[in-house]
Protein backbone atom coordinates (compact mmCIF):
# COMPACT_ATOMS: atom_id res chain seq x y z
CA MET A 1 -13.40 -118.73 -73.95
CA THR A 2 -15.85 -119.87 -71.33
CA LYS A 3 -19.55 -119.09 -71.20
CA GLY A 4 -19.64 -118.13 -67.52
CA THR A 5 -19.01 -115.08 -65.41
CA ALA A 6 -15.99 -113.99 -67.43
CA SER A 7 -18.19 -113.37 -70.47
CA HIS A 8 -20.35 -110.88 -68.56
CA GLY A 9 -17.43 -108.48 -68.27
CA LYS A 10 -17.59 -107.84 -72.02
CA LYS A 11 -21.13 -106.40 -71.86
CA SER A 12 -20.14 -102.86 -70.84
CA GLY A 13 -19.86 -100.78 -74.03
CA LYS A 14 -22.84 -101.85 -76.13
CA LYS A 15 -25.98 -99.72 -76.08
CA THR A 16 -28.95 -101.20 -77.90
CA HIS A 17 -31.72 -99.05 -76.42
CA ILE A 18 -31.75 -95.37 -75.41
CA ILE A 19 -34.50 -93.05 -74.16
CA CYS A 20 -37.25 -92.43 -76.72
CA ARG A 21 -38.06 -88.84 -77.68
CA ARG A 22 -41.79 -89.50 -77.96
CA CYS A 23 -42.73 -91.76 -75.04
CA GLY A 24 -39.77 -91.24 -72.70
CA ASP A 25 -39.18 -94.97 -72.18
CA HIS A 26 -35.74 -96.56 -72.44
CA THR A 27 -36.87 -98.56 -75.48
CA TYR A 28 -35.59 -96.71 -78.58
CA HIS A 29 -33.36 -99.10 -80.56
CA VAL A 30 -30.22 -97.31 -81.78
CA LYS A 31 -29.49 -99.53 -84.80
CA LYS A 32 -33.09 -100.13 -85.90
CA LYS A 33 -34.05 -96.47 -85.24
CA ARG A 34 -37.39 -97.62 -83.83
CA CYS A 35 -38.99 -97.51 -80.40
CA ALA A 36 -40.16 -100.86 -79.09
CA ALA A 37 -42.76 -99.29 -76.79
CA CYS A 38 -44.49 -96.61 -78.89
CA GLY A 39 -43.32 -97.35 -82.46
CA PHE A 40 -41.58 -94.00 -82.97
CA GLY A 41 -39.41 -94.07 -86.09
CA ALA A 42 -41.54 -96.70 -87.82
CA THR A 43 -45.06 -95.25 -87.68
CA ALA A 44 -46.81 -91.96 -86.93
CA ARG A 45 -49.40 -93.78 -84.81
CA MET A 46 -48.75 -94.83 -81.26
CA ARG A 47 -47.98 -98.53 -81.04
CA GLY A 48 -50.60 -100.45 -79.11
CA PHE A 49 -52.42 -103.77 -79.18
CA ASN A 50 -55.75 -104.89 -77.74
CA TRP A 51 -54.13 -107.82 -75.94
CA SER A 52 -52.09 -105.41 -73.85
CA LYS A 53 -55.02 -103.22 -72.75
CA LYS A 54 -56.84 -103.96 -69.50
CA THR A 55 -60.58 -104.67 -69.64
CA HIS A 56 -62.76 -102.06 -67.97
CA ASP A 57 -65.65 -103.55 -66.03
CA ALA A 58 -68.43 -101.15 -65.10
């Protein structure tokens, strides 16, 4: 088994992420039952961090 182009043909049937019910992004993990973008399935709050928010200069 080589690690080149032939290995990429085996990547067809696995779905790790599907569309999230809460945020609509394609980031809901099927096995973990958790959305990577909004945190749906793990917490009732919306997932968000201060390092990801833009600063608002007046």
